[in-house]
């Protein structure tokens, strides 16, 4: 089985404030469905108003996000399923629940031998 990252950009969940309880209920229902199906690896949202930092390759630490030219991830949903098509089906459920488009990517499997090339 393969792990897939289903994610959306920060700010993509653009709906009226009064819809938040319905969206939260729908999102929780999808999480529960994925748990019940045994495919959920991890899920969570990211709040860029909270303390965070960027550590550059030279070790320099900068408060806040990357420069404005970089997209920021607003939320993630990681599933482990047999096919890309199955990941797309879960992404569709997340998209409907969260009311925003989802990006689907396969995790590159890391093996120690990858470092020995």
PDB file of N, CA and C in Angstrom:
ATOM      1  N   UNK A   1       0.841  -1.186   0.000  1.00  0.00           N
ATOM      2  CA  UNK A   1       0.000   0.000   0.000  1.00  0.00           C
ATOM      3  C   UNK A   1       0.883   1.245   0.000  1.00  0.00           C
ATOM      4  N   UNK A   2       0.336   2.301  -0.523  1.00  0.00           N
ATOM      5  CA  UNK A   2       1.081   3.544  -0.698  1.00  0.00           C
ATOM      6  C   UNK A   2       0.423   4.653   0.110  1.00  0.00           C
ATOM      7  N   UNK A   3       1.251   5.542   0.636  1.00  0.00           N
ATOM      8  CA  UNK A   3       0.741   6.700   1.371  1.00  0.00           C
ATOM      9  C   UNK A   3       0.610   7.876   0.412  1.00  0.00           C
ATOM     10  N   UNK A   4      -0.477   8.618   0.570  1.00  0.00           N
ATOM     11  CA  UNK A   4      -0.744   9.793  -0.259  1.00  0.00           C
ATOM     12  C   UNK A   4      -1.045  10.985   0.635  1.00  0.00           C
ATOM     13  N   UNK A   5      -0.522  12.139   0.244  1.00  0.00           N
ATOM     14  CA  UNK A   5      -0.798  13.393   0.918  1.00  0.00           C
ATOM     15  C   UNK A   5      -1.923  14.089   0.169  1.00  0.00           C
ATOM     16  N   UNK A   6      -2.990  14.363   0.863  1.00  0.00           N
ATOM     17  CA  UNK A   6      -4.096  15.151   0.332  1.00  0.00           C
ATOM     18  C   UNK A   6      -4.037  16.469   1.099  1.00  0.00           C
ATOM     19  N   UNK A   7      -3.909  17.586   0.379  1.00  0.00           N
ATOM     20  CA  UNK A   7      -3.716  18.856   1.075  1.00  0.00           C
ATOM     21  C   UNK A   7      -4.404  19.992   0.340  1.00  0.00           C
ATOM     22  N   UNK A   8      -4.542  21.095   1.071  1.00  0.00           N
ATOM     23  CA  UNK A   8      -5.086  22.305   0.457  1.00  0.00           C
ATOM     24  C   UNK A   8      -4.301  23.506   0.957  1.00  0.00           C
ATOM     25  N   UNK A   9      -4.346  24.580   0.174  1.00  0.00           N
ATOM     26  CA  UNK A   9      -3.599  25.787   0.510  1.00  0.00           C
ATOM     27  C   UNK A   9      -4.242  26.545   1.666  1.00  0.00           C
ATOM     28  N   UNK A  10      -3.404  27.217   2.430  1.00  0.00           N
ATOM     29  CA  UNK A  10      -3.875  28.084   3.493  1.00  0.00           C
ATOM     30  C   UNK A  10      -4.812  29.123   2.887  1.00  0.00           C
ATOM     31  N   UNK A  11      -5.954  29.306   3.491  1.00  0.00           N
ATOM     32  CA  UNK A  11      -6.919  30.295   3.007  1.00  0.00           C
ATOM     33  C   UNK A  11      -7.900  29.743   1.984  1.00  0.00           C
ATOM     34  N   UNK A  12      -7.733  28.484   1.577  1.00  0.00           N
ATOM     35  CA  UNK A  12      -8.609  27.912   0.555  1.00  0.00           C
ATOM     36  C   UNK A  12     -10.021  27.653   1.075  1.00  0.00           C
ATOM     37  N   UNK A  13     -10.137  27.428   2.371  1.00  0.00           N
ATOM     38  CA  UNK A  13     -11.452  27.177   2.951  1.00  0.00           C
ATOM     39  C   UNK A  13     -12.163  28.515   3.138  1.00  0.00           C
ATOM     40  N   UNK A  14     -12.677  29.033   2.042  1.00  0.00           N
ATOM     41  CA  UNK A  14     -13.281  30.357   2.019  1.00  0.00           C
ATOM     42  C   UNK A  14     -14.806  30.216   1.951  1.00  0.00           C
ATOM     43  N   UNK A  15     -15.428  30.299   3.102  1.00  0.00           N
ATOM     44  CA  UNK A  15     -16.884  30.197   3.181  1.00  0.00           C
ATOM     45  C   UNK A  15     -17.337  31.096   4.337  1.00  0.00           C
ATOM     46  N   UNK A  16     -18.618  31.401   4.376  1.00  0.00           N
ATOM     47  CA  UNK A  16     -19.110  32.281   5.451  1.00  0.00           C
ATOM     48  C   UNK A  16     -18.878  31.679   6.839  1.00  0.00           C
ATOM     49  N   UNK A  17     -18.562  32.520   7.778  1.00  0.00           N
ATOM     50  CA  UNK A  17     -18.282  32.105   9.164  1.00  0.00           C
ATOM     51  C   UNK A  17     -19.389  31.228   9.748  1.00  0.00           C
ATOM     52  N   UNK A  18     -20.628  31.562   9.416  1.00  0.00           N
ATOM     53  CA  UNK A  18     -21.751  30.794   9.974  1.00  0.00           C
ATOM     54  C   UNK A  18     -21.808  29.355   9.451  1.00  0.00           C
ATOM     55  N   UNK A  19     -21.062  29.051   8.374  1.00  0.00           N
ATOM     56  CA  UNK A  19     -21.011  27.689   7.829  1.00  0.00           C
ATOM     57  C   UNK A  19     -19.969  26.817   8.530  1.00  0.00           C
ATOM     58  N   UNK A  20     -19.152  27.414   9.392  1.00  0.00           N
ATOM     59  CA  UNK A  20     -18.072  26.671  10.035  1.00  0.00           C
ATOM     60  C   UNK A  20     -18.550  25.423  10.784  1.00  0.00           C
ATOM     61  N   UNK A  21     -19.609  25.472  11.566  1.00  0.00           N
ATOM     62  CA  UNK A  21     -20.039  24.241  12.251  1.00  0.00           C
ATOM     63  C   UNK A  21     -20.394  23.112  11.276  1.00  0.00           C
ATOM     64  N   UNK A  22     -21.059  23.428  10.186  1.00  0.00           N
ATOM     65  CA  UNK A  22     -21.420  22.401   9.197  1.00  0.00           C
ATOM     66  C   UNK A  22     -20.183  21.842   8.514  1.00  0.00           C
ATOM     67  N   UNK A  23     -19.227  22.710   8.188  1.00  0.00           N
ATOM     68  CA  UNK A  23     -17.988  22.254   7.557  1.00  0.00           C
ATOM     69  C   UNK A  23     -17.195  21.378   8.533  1.00  0.00           C
ATOM     70  N   UNK A  24     -17.108  21.799   9.786  1.00  0.00           N
ATOM     71  CA  UNK A  24     -16.389  21.006  10.791  1.00  0.00           C
ATOM     72  C   UNK A  24     -17.042  19.639  10.966  1.00  0.00           C
ATOM     73  N   UNK A  25     -18.368  19.596  11.015  1.00  0.00           N
ATOM     74  CA  UNK A  25     -19.063  18.313  11.137  1.00  0.00           C
ATOM     75  C   UNK A  25     -18.784  17.421   9.937  1.00  0.00           C
ATOM     76  N   UNK A  26     -18.816  17.990   8.744  1.00  0.00           N
ATOM     77  CA  UNK A  26     -18.557  17.215   7.522  1.00  0.00           C
ATOM     78  C   UNK A  26     -17.125  16.704   7.497  1.00  0.00           C
ATOM     79  N   UNK A  27     -16.174  17.555   7.903  1.00  0.00           N
ATOM     80  CA  UNK A  27     -14.762  17.139   7.925  1.00  0.00           C
ATOM     81  C   UNK A  27     -14.546  16.028   8.949  1.00  0.00           C
ATOM     82  N   UNK A  28     -15.139  16.169  10.122  1.00  0.00           N
ATOM     83  CA  UNK A  28     -15.013  15.119  11.143  1.00  0.00           C
ATOM     84  C   UNK A  28     -15.625  13.804  10.676  1.00  0.00           C
ATOM     85  N   UNK A  29     -16.702  13.890   9.912  1.00  0.00           N
ATOM     86  CA  UNK A  29     -17.337  12.672   9.389  1.00  0.00           C
ATOM     87  C   UNK A  29     -16.417  11.945   8.412  1.00  0.00           C
ATOM     88  N   UNK A  30     -15.702  12.712   7.569  1.00  0.00           N
ATOM     89  CA  UNK A  30     -14.766  12.089   6.625  1.00  0.00           C
ATOM     90  C   UNK A  30     -13.598  11.461   7.382  1.00  0.00           C
ATOM     91  N   UNK A  31     -13.109  12.141   8.399  1.00  0.00           N
ATOM     92  CA  UNK A  31     -12.025  11.585   9.220  1.00  0.00           C
ATOM     93  C   UNK A  31     -12.483  10.280   9.858  1.00  0.00           C
ATOM     94  N   UNK A  32     -13.679  10.279  10.415  1.00  0.00           N
ATOM     95  CA  UNK A  32     -14.201   9.063  11.041  1.00  0.00           C
ATOM     96  C   UNK A  32     -14.363   7.938  10.012  1.00  0.00           C
ATOM     97  N   UNK A  33     -14.847   8.274   8.838  1.00  0.00           N
ATOM     98  CA  UNK A  33     -15.004   7.273   7.779  1.00  0.00           C
ATOM     99  C   UNK A  33     -13.657   6.669   7.388  1.00  0.00           C
ATOM    100  N   UNK A  34     -12.633   7.528   7.279  1.00  0.00           N
ATOM    101  CA  UNK A  34     -11.290   7.038   6.933  1.00  0.00           C
ATOM    102  C   UNK A  34     -10.719   6.175   8.051  1.00  0.00           C
ATOM    103  N   UNK A  35     -10.961   6.568   9.297  1.00  0.00           N
ATOM    104  CA  UNK A  35     -10.517   5.742  10.428  1.00  0.00           C
ATOM    105  C   UNK A  35     -11.213   4.384  10.401  1.00  0.00           C
ATOM    106  N   UNK A  36     -12.517   4.397  10.199  1.00  0.00           N
ATOM    107  CA  UNK A  36     -13.289   3.154  10.164  1.00  0.00           C
ATOM    108  C   UNK A  36     -12.839   2.248   9.023  1.00  0.00           C
ATOM    109  N   UNK A  37     -12.413   2.850   7.909  1.00  0.00           N
ATOM    110  CA  UNK A  37     -11.948   2.083   6.749  1.00  0.00           C
ATOM    111  C   UNK A  37     -10.504   1.605   6.919  1.00  0.00           C
ATOM    112  N   UNK A  38      -9.823   2.126   7.955  1.00  0.00           N
ATOM    113  CA  UNK A  38      -8.442   1.726   8.213  1.00  0.00           C
ATOM    114  C   UNK A  38      -7.421   2.323   7.263  1.00  0.00           C
ATOM    115  N   UNK A  39      -7.753   3.469   6.644  1.00  0.00           N
ATOM    116  CA  UNK A  39      -6.832   4.082   5.685  1.00  0.00           C
ATOM    117  C   UNK A  39      -6.189   5.365   6.191  1.00  0.00           C
ATOM    118  N   UNK A  40      -6.704   5.934   7.274  1.00  0.00           N
ATOM    119  CA  UNK A  40      -6.173   7.209   7.768  1.00  0.00           C
ATOM    120  C   UNK A  40      -4.835   7.003   8.464  1.00  0.00           C
ATOM    121  N   UNK A  41      -3.835   7.759   8.033  1.00  0.00           N
ATOM    122  CA  UNK A  41      -2.525   7.758   8.680  1.00  0.00           C
ATOM    123  C   UNK A  41      -2.436   8.950   9.626  1.00  0.00           C
ATOM    124  N   UNK A  42      -2.811  10.120   9.129  1.00  0.00           N
ATOM    125  CA  UNK A  42      -2.723  11.351   9.915  1.00  0.00           C
ATOM    126  C   UNK A  42      -3.525  12.435   9.226  1.00  0.00           C
ATOM    127  N   UNK A  43      -4.064  13.343  10.017  1.00  0.00           N
ATOM    128  CA  UNK A  43      -4.728  14.517   9.455  1.00  0.00           C
ATOM    129  C   UNK A  43      -4.569  15.686  10.411  1.00  0.00           C
ATOM    130  N   UNK A  44      -4.612  16.881   9.887  1.00  0.00           N
ATOM    131  CA  UNK A  44      -4.514  18.062  10.729  1.00  0.00           C
ATOM    132  C   UNK A  44      -4.478  19.335   9.918  1.00  0.00           C
ATOM    133  N   UNK A  45      -4.742  20.426  10.587  1.00  0.00           N
ATOM    134  CA  UNK A  45      -4.685  21.738   9.958  1.00  0.00           C
ATOM    135  C   UNK A  45      -3.497  22.520  10.480  1.00  0.00           C
ATOM    136  N   UNK A  46      -3.101  23.515   9.734  1.00  0.00           N
ATOM    137  CA  UNK A  46      -1.977  24.358  10.110  1.00  0.00           C
ATOM    138  C   UNK A  46      -2.454  25.801  10.235  1.00  0.00           C
ATOM    139  N   UNK A  47      -2.060  26.447  11.299  1.00  0.00           N
ATOM    140  CA  UNK A  47      -2.461  27.822  11.546  1.00  0.00           C
ATOM    141  C   UNK A  47      -1.212  28.693  11.531  1.00  0.00           C
ATOM    142  N   UNK A  48      -1.059  29.482  10.479  1.00  0.00           N
ATOM    143  CA  UNK A  48       0.141  30.307  10.330  1.00  0.00           C
ATOM    144  C   UNK A  48       0.135  31.538  11.216  1.00  0.00           C
ATOM    145  N   UNK A  49      -0.940  31.727  11.980  1.00  0.00           N
ATOM    146  CA  UNK A  49      -0.939  32.810  12.962  1.00  0.00           C
ATOM    147  C   UNK A  49      -0.186  32.390  14.217  1.00  0.00           C
ATOM    148  N   UNK A  50      -0.008  31.086  14.387  1.00  0.00           N
ATOM    149  CA  UNK A  50       0.738  30.556  15.533  1.00  0.00           C
ATOM    150  C   UNK A  50       2.236  30.676  15.270  1.00  0.00           C
ATOM    151  N   UNK A  51       3.037  30.558  16.313  1.00  0.00           N
ATOM    152  CA  UNK A  51       4.491  30.654  16.175  1.00  0.00           C
ATOM    153  C   UNK A  51       5.017  29.545  15.272  1.00  0.00           C
ATOM    154  N   UNK A  52       5.822  29.939  14.309  1.00  0.00           N
ATOM    155  CA  UNK A  52       6.484  28.993  13.434  1.00  0.00           C
ATOM    156  C   UNK A  52       7.718  29.660  12.860  1.00  0.00           C
ATOM    157  N   UNK A  53       8.573  28.881  12.264  1.00  0.00           N
ATOM    158  CA  UNK A  53       9.836  29.416  11.752  1.00  0.00           C
ATOM    159  C   UNK A  53      10.269  28.625  10.528  1.00  0.00           C
ATOM    160  N   UNK A  54      11.174  29.229   9.768  1.00  0.00           N
ATOM    161  CA  UNK A  54      11.811  28.579   8.628  1.00  0.00           C
ATOM    162  C   UNK A  54      13.290  28.439   8.964  1.00  0.00           C
ATOM    163  N   UNK A  55      13.822  27.230   8.821  1.00  0.00           N
ATOM    164  CA  UNK A  55      15.251  26.993   9.043  1.00  0.00           C
ATOM    165  C   UNK A  55      15.883  26.775   7.676  1.00  0.00           C
ATOM    166  N   UNK A  56      16.783  27.661   7.290  1.00  0.00           N
ATOM    167  CA  UNK A  56      17.427  27.601   5.974  1.00  0.00           C
ATOM    168  C   UNK A  56      18.556  26.579   5.982  1.00  0.00           C
ATOM    169  N   UNK A  57      19.084  26.289   4.809  1.00  0.00           N
ATOM    170  CA  UNK A  57      20.145  25.280   4.680  1.00  0.00           C
ATOM    171  C   UNK A  57      21.425  25.673   5.397  1.00  0.00           C
ATOM    172  N   UNK A  58      21.609  26.966   5.654  1.00  0.00           N
ATOM    173  CA  UNK A  58      22.799  27.402   6.384  1.00  0.00           C
ATOM    174  C   UNK A  58      22.547  27.460   7.892  1.00  0.00           C
ATOM    175  N   UNK A  59      21.364  27.013   8.307  1.00  0.00           N
ATOM    176  CA  UNK A  59      21.015  27.013   9.718  1.00  0.00           C
ATOM    177  C   UNK A  59      20.359  28.295  10.196  1.00  0.00           C
ATOM    178  N   UNK A  60      20.263  29.299   9.330  1.00  0.00           N
ATOM    179  CA  UNK A  60      19.645  30.574   9.687  1.00  0.00           C
ATOM    180  C   UNK A  60      18.158  30.347   9.957  1.00  0.00           C
ATOM    181  N   UNK A  61      17.689  30.873  11.083  1.00  0.00           N
ATOM    182  CA  UNK A  61      16.293  30.721  11.470  1.00  0.00           C
ATOM    183  C   UNK A  61      15.578  32.049  11.266  1.00  0.00           C
ATOM    184  N   UNK A  62      14.451  31.970  10.557  1.00  0.00           N
ATOM    185  CA  UNK A  62      13.650  33.152  10.282  1.00  0.00           C
ATOM    186  C   UNK A  62      12.252  32.924  10.833  1.00  0.00           C
ATOM    187  N   UNK A  63      11.744  33.884  11.579  1.00  0.00           N
ATOM    188  CA  UNK A  63      10.366  33.773  12.058  1.00  0.00           C
ATOM    189  C   UNK A  63       9.415  33.872  10.875  1.00  0.00           C
ATOM    190  N   UNK A  64       8.318  33.146  10.982  1.00  0.00           N
ATOM    191  CA  UNK A  64       7.266  33.270   9.986  1.00  0.00           C
ATOM    192  C   UNK A  64       7.453  32.379   8.786  1.00  0.00           C
ATOM    193  N   UNK A  65       6.543  32.535   7.830  1.00  0.00           N
ATOM    194  CA  UNK A  65       6.526  31.650   6.664  1.00  0.00           C
ATOM    195  C   UNK A  65       7.580  32.020   5.637  1.00  0.00           C
ATOM    196  N   UNK A  66       7.647  31.173   4.620  1.00  0.00           N
ATOM    197  CA  UNK A  66       8.476  31.480   3.462  1.00  0.00           C
ATOM    198  C   UNK A  66       8.035  32.807   2.880  1.00  0.00           C
ATOM    199  N   UNK A  67       8.854  33.384   2.004  1.00  0.00           N
ATOM    200  CA  UNK A  67       8.425  34.622   1.327  1.00  0.00           C
ATOM    201  C   UNK A  67       7.081  34.417   0.640  1.00  0.00           C
ATOM    202  N   UNK A  68       6.389  35.483   0.373  1.00  0.00           N
ATOM    203  CA  UNK A  68       5.038  35.440  -0.188  1.00  0.00           C
ATOM    204  C   UNK A  68       4.930  34.636  -1.473  1.00  0.00           C
ATOM    205  N   UNK A  69       6.031  34.384  -2.154  1.00  0.00           N
ATOM    206  CA  UNK A  69       5.974  33.661  -3.419  1.00  0.00           C
ATOM    207  C   UNK A  69       5.716  32.172  -3.228  1.00  0.00           C
ATOM    208  N   UNK A  70       5.846  31.664  -2.021  1.00  0.00           N
ATOM    209  CA  UNK A  70       5.640  30.244  -1.749  1.00  0.00           C
ATOM    210  C   UNK A  70       4.220  30.007  -1.273  1.00  0.00           C
ATOM    211  N   UNK A  71       3.628  28.886  -1.713  1.00  0.00           N
ATOM    212  CA  UNK A  71       2.311  28.546  -1.195  1.00  0.00           C
ATOM    213  C   UNK A  71       2.472  27.903   0.173  1.00  0.00           C
ATOM    214  N   UNK A  72       1.486  28.100   1.007  1.00  0.00           N
ATOM    215  CA  UNK A  72       1.497  27.535   2.352  1.00  0.00           C
ATOM    216  C   UNK A  72       0.396  26.496   2.456  1.00  0.00           C
ATOM    217  N   UNK A  73       0.692  25.386   3.078  1.00  0.00           N
ATOM    218  CA  UNK A  73      -0.298  24.325   3.245  1.00  0.00           C
ATOM    219  C   UNK A  73      -1.213  24.689   4.408  1.00  0.00           C
ATOM    220  N   UNK A  74      -2.507  24.573   4.190  1.00  0.00           N
ATOM    221  CA  UNK A  74      -3.475  24.898   5.223  1.00  0.00           C
ATOM    222  C   UNK A  74      -3.945  23.686   6.008  1.00  0.00           C
ATOM    223  N   UNK A  75      -3.927  22.527   5.360  1.00  0.00           N
ATOM    224  CA  UNK A  75      -4.364  21.319   6.033  1.00  0.00           C
ATOM    225  C   UNK A  75      -3.912  20.093   5.264  1.00  0.00           C
ATOM    226  N   UNK A  76      -3.748  18.993   5.995  1.00  0.00           N
ATOM    227  CA  UNK A  76      -3.299  17.754   5.361  1.00  0.00           C
ATOM    228  C   UNK A  76      -4.152  16.579   5.821  1.00  0.00           C
ATOM    229  N   UNK A  77      -4.205  15.592   4.956  1.00  0.00           N
ATOM    230  CA  UNK A  77      -4.955  14.365   5.199  1.00  0.00           C
ATOM    231  C   UNK A  77      -4.113  13.274   4.536  1.00  0.00           C
ATOM    232  N   UNK A  78      -3.514  12.407   5.322  1.00  0.00           N
ATOM    233  CA  UNK A  78      -2.639  11.364   4.774  1.00  0.00           C
ATOM    234  C   UNK A  78      -3.371  10.034   4.869  1.00  0.00           C
ATOM    235  N   UNK A  79      -3.466   9.365   3.720  1.00  0.00           N
ATOM    236  CA  UNK A  79      -4.110   8.054   3.668  1.00  0.00           C
ATOM    237  C   UNK A  79      -3.134   7.030   3.124  1.00  0.00           C
ATOM    238  N   UNK A  80      -3.354   5.781   3.481  1.00  0.00           N
ATOM    239  CA  UNK A  80      -2.580   4.674   2.928  1.00  0.00           C
ATOM    240  C   UNK A  80      -3.576   3.763   2.219  1.00  0.00           C
ATOM    241  N   UNK A  81      -3.505   3.784   0.893  1.00  0.00           N
ATOM    242  CA  UNK A  81      -4.456   3.061   0.053  1.00  0.00           C
ATOM    243  C   UNK A  81      -3.708   2.356  -1.080  1.00  0.00           C
ATOM    244  N   UNK A  82      -4.355   1.401  -1.752  1.00  0.00           N
ATOM    245  CA  UNK A  82      -3.655   0.611  -2.760  1.00  0.00           C
ATOM    246  C   UNK A  82      -3.366   1.331  -4.080  1.00  0.00           C
ATOM    247  N   UNK A  83      -4.162   2.361  -4.431  1.00  0.00           N
ATOM    248  CA  UNK A  83      -3.981   2.995  -5.744  1.00  0.00           C
ATOM    249  C   UNK A  83      -4.149   4.507  -5.663  1.00  0.00           C
ATOM    250  N   UNK A  84      -3.634   5.184  -6.679  1.00  0.00           N
ATOM    251  CA  UNK A  84      -3.814   6.627  -6.810  1.00  0.00           C
ATOM    252  C   UNK A  84      -5.304   6.951  -6.941  1.00  0.00           C
ATOM    253  N   UNK A  85      -6.023   6.120  -7.655  1.00  0.00           N
ATOM    254  CA  UNK A  85      -7.455   6.332  -7.842  1.00  0.00           C
ATOM    255  C   UNK A  85      -8.196   6.296  -6.504  1.00  0.00           C
ATOM    256  N   UNK A  86      -7.785   5.389  -5.614  1.00  0.00           N
ATOM    257  CA  UNK A  86      -8.393   5.332  -4.286  1.00  0.00           C
ATOM    258  C   UNK A  86      -8.096   6.613  -3.505  1.00  0.00           C
ATOM    259  N   UNK A  87      -6.870   7.139  -3.654  1.00  0.00           N
ATOM    260  CA  UNK A  87      -6.511   8.408  -2.995  1.00  0.00           C
ATOM    261  C   UNK A  87      -7.377   9.544  -3.542  1.00  0.00           C
ATOM    262  N   UNK A  88      -7.643   9.514  -4.846  1.00  0.00           N
ATOM    263  CA  UNK A  88      -8.499  10.543  -5.443  1.00  0.00           C
ATOM    264  C   UNK A  88      -9.920  10.472  -4.883  1.00  0.00           C
ATOM    265  N   UNK A  89     -10.401   9.266  -4.622  1.00  0.00           N
ATOM    266  CA  UNK A  89     -11.734   9.127  -4.044  1.00  0.00           C
ATOM    267  C   UNK A  89     -11.795   9.761  -2.651  1.00  0.00           C
ATOM    268  N   UNK A  90     -10.751   9.551  -1.854  1.00  0.00           N
ATOM    269  CA  UNK A  90     -10.718  10.177  -0.529  1.00  0.00           C
ATOM    270  C   UNK A  90     -10.574  11.693  -0.660  1.00  0.00           C
ATOM    271  N   UNK A  91      -9.776  12.149  -1.613  1.00  0.00           N
ATOM    272  CA  UNK A  91      -9.604  13.591  -1.826  1.00  0.00           C
ATOM    273  C   UNK A  91     -10.936  14.238  -2.205  1.00  0.00           C
ATOM    274  N   UNK A  92     -11.740  13.527  -2.973  1.00  0.00           N
ATOM    275  CA  UNK A  92     -13.049  14.060  -3.351  1.00  0.00           C
ATOM    276  C   UNK A  92     -13.934  14.231  -2.115  1.00  0.00           C
ATOM    277  N   UNK A  93     -13.874  13.278  -1.200  1.00  0.00           N
ATOM    278  CA  UNK A  93     -14.658  13.382   0.030  1.00  0.00           C
ATOM    279  C   UNK A  93     -14.182  14.557   0.879  1.00  0.00           C
ATOM    280  N   UNK A  94     -12.868  14.737   0.963  1.00  0.00           N
ATOM    281  CA  UNK A  94     -12.310  15.858   1.727  1.00  0.00           C
ATOM    282  C   UNK A  94     -12.690  17.180   1.066  1.00  0.00           C
ATOM    283  N   UNK A  95     -12.619  17.232  -0.257  1.00  0.00           N
ATOM    284  CA  UNK A  95     -12.949  18.456  -0.991  1.00  0.00           C
ATOM    285  C   UNK A  95     -14.389  18.886  -0.730  1.00  0.00           C
ATOM    286  N   UNK A  96     -15.303  17.929  -0.752  1.00  0.00           N
ATOM    287  CA  UNK A  96     -16.708  18.242  -0.491  1.00  0.00           C
ATOM    288  C   UNK A  96     -16.879  18.720   0.953  1.00  0.00           C
ATOM    289  N   UNK A  97     -16.267  18.002   1.901  1.00  0.00           N
ATOM    290  CA  UNK A  97     -16.409  18.354   3.316  1.00  0.00           C
ATOM    291  C   UNK A  97     -15.814  19.719   3.626  1.00  0.00           C
ATOM    292  N   UNK A  98     -14.635  19.986   3.108  1.00  0.00           N
ATOM    293  CA  UNK A  98     -13.922  21.230   3.428  1.00  0.00           C
ATOM    294  C   UNK A  98     -14.254  22.381   2.487  1.00  0.00           C
ATOM    295  N   UNK A  99     -15.005  22.060   1.443  1.00  0.00           N
ATOM    296  CA  UNK A  99     -15.437  23.072   0.461  1.00  0.00           C
ATOM    297  C   UNK A  99     -14.271  23.760  -0.231  1.00  0.00           C
ATOM    298  N   UNK A 100     -13.246  22.957  -0.552  1.00  0.00           N
ATOM    299  CA  UNK A 100     -12.121  23.519  -1.311  1.00  0.00           C
ATOM    300  C   UNK A 100     -11.385  22.405  -2.051  1.00  0.00           C
ATOM    301  N   UNK A 101     -10.709  22.793  -3.116  1.00  0.00           N
ATOM    302  CA  UNK A 101      -9.963  21.840  -3.943  1.00  0.00           C
ATOM    303  C   UNK A 101      -8.826  21.215  -3.136  1.00  0.00           C
ATOM    304  N   UNK A 102      -8.468  19.994  -3.499  1.00  0.00           N
ATOM    305  CA  UNK A 102      -7.424  19.245  -2.805  1.00  0.00           C
ATOM    306  C   UNK A 102      -6.321  18.845  -3.788  1.00  0.00           C
ATOM    307  N   UNK A 103      -5.092  18.893  -3.316  1.00  0.00           N
ATOM    308  CA  UNK A 103      -3.924  18.447  -4.082  1.00  0.00           C
ATOM    309  C   UNK A 103      -3.593  17.040  -3.596  1.00  0.00           C
ATOM    310  N   UNK A 104      -3.360  16.113  -4.522  1.00  0.00           N
ATOM    311  CA  UNK A 104      -3.073  14.724  -4.156  1.00  0.00           C
ATOM    312  C   UNK A 104      -1.690  14.351  -4.685  1.00  0.00           C
ATOM    313  N   UNK A 105      -0.840  13.875  -3.774  1.00  0.00           N
ATOM    314  CA  UNK A 105       0.521  13.484  -4.152  1.00  0.00           C
ATOM    315  C   UNK A 105       0.917  12.209  -3.432  1.00  0.00           C
ATOM    316  N   UNK A 106       1.645  11.371  -4.154  1.00  0.00           N
ATOM    317  CA  UNK A 106       2.160  10.138  -3.562  1.00  0.00           C
ATOM    318  C   UNK A 106       3.421  10.454  -2.774  1.00  0.00           C
ATOM    319  N   UNK A 107       3.526   9.891  -1.579  1.00  0.00           N
ATOM    320  CA  UNK A 107       4.758  10.039  -0.823  1.00  0.00           C
ATOM    321  C   UNK A 107       5.844   9.202  -1.482  1.00  0.00           C
ATOM    322  N   UNK A 108       7.005   9.782  -1.617  1.00  0.00           N
ATOM    323  CA  UNK A 108       8.158   9.051  -2.124  1.00  0.00           C
ATOM    324  C   UNK A 108       8.618   8.119  -1.019  1.00  0.00           C
ATOM    325  N   UNK A 109       8.610   6.810  -1.273  1.00  0.00           N
ATOM    326  CA  UNK A 109       9.030   5.886  -0.211  1.00  0.00           C
ATOM    327  C   UNK A 109      10.524   6.039   0.071  1.00  0.00           C
ATOM    328  N   UNK A 110      10.866   6.229   1.320  1.00  0.00           N
ATOM    329  CA  UNK A 110      12.263   6.401   1.705  1.00  0.00           C
ATOM    330  C   UNK A 110      12.841   5.051   2.114  1.00  0.00           C
ATOM    331  N   UNK A 111      13.955   4.730   1.503  1.00  0.00           N
ATOM    332  CA  UNK A 111      14.696   3.521   1.869  1.00  0.00           C
ATOM    333  C   UNK A 111      16.145   3.918   2.095  1.00  0.00           C
ATOM    334  N   UNK A 112      16.783   3.259   3.010  1.00  0.00           N
ATOM    335  CA  UNK A 112      18.176   3.552   3.288  1.00  0.00           C
ATOM    336  C   UNK A 112      19.028   3.463   2.031  1.00  0.00           C
ATOM    337  N   UNK A 113      18.697   2.548   1.137  1.00  0.00           N
ATOM    338  CA  UNK A 113      19.477   2.394  -0.102  1.00  0.00           C
ATOM    339  C   UNK A 113      19.384   3.628  -0.983  1.00  0.00           C
ATOM    340  N   UNK A 114      18.326   4.467  -0.796  1.00  0.00           N
ATOM    341  CA  UNK A 114      18.204   5.699  -1.571  1.00  0.00           C
ATOM    342  C   UNK A 114      19.382   6.643  -1.290  1.00  0.00           C
ATOM    343  N   UNK A 115      19.909   6.582  -0.083  1.00  0.00           N
ATOM    344  CA  UNK A 115      21.029   7.434   0.297  1.00  0.00           C
ATOM    345  C   UNK A 115      22.363   6.934  -0.248  1.00  0.00           C
ATOM    346  N   UNK A 116      22.417   5.681  -0.635  1.00  0.00           N
ATOM    347  CA  UNK A 116      23.673   5.083  -1.064  1.00  0.00           C
ATOM    348  C   UNK A 116      23.910   5.233  -2.562  1.00  0.00           C
ATOM    349  N   UNK A 117      23.034   5.898  -3.247  1.00  0.00           N
ATOM    350  CA  UNK A 117      23.191   6.069  -4.705  1.00  0.00           C
ATOM    351  C   UNK A 117      24.203   7.114  -5.027  1.00  0.00           C
TER     352      UNK A 117
END
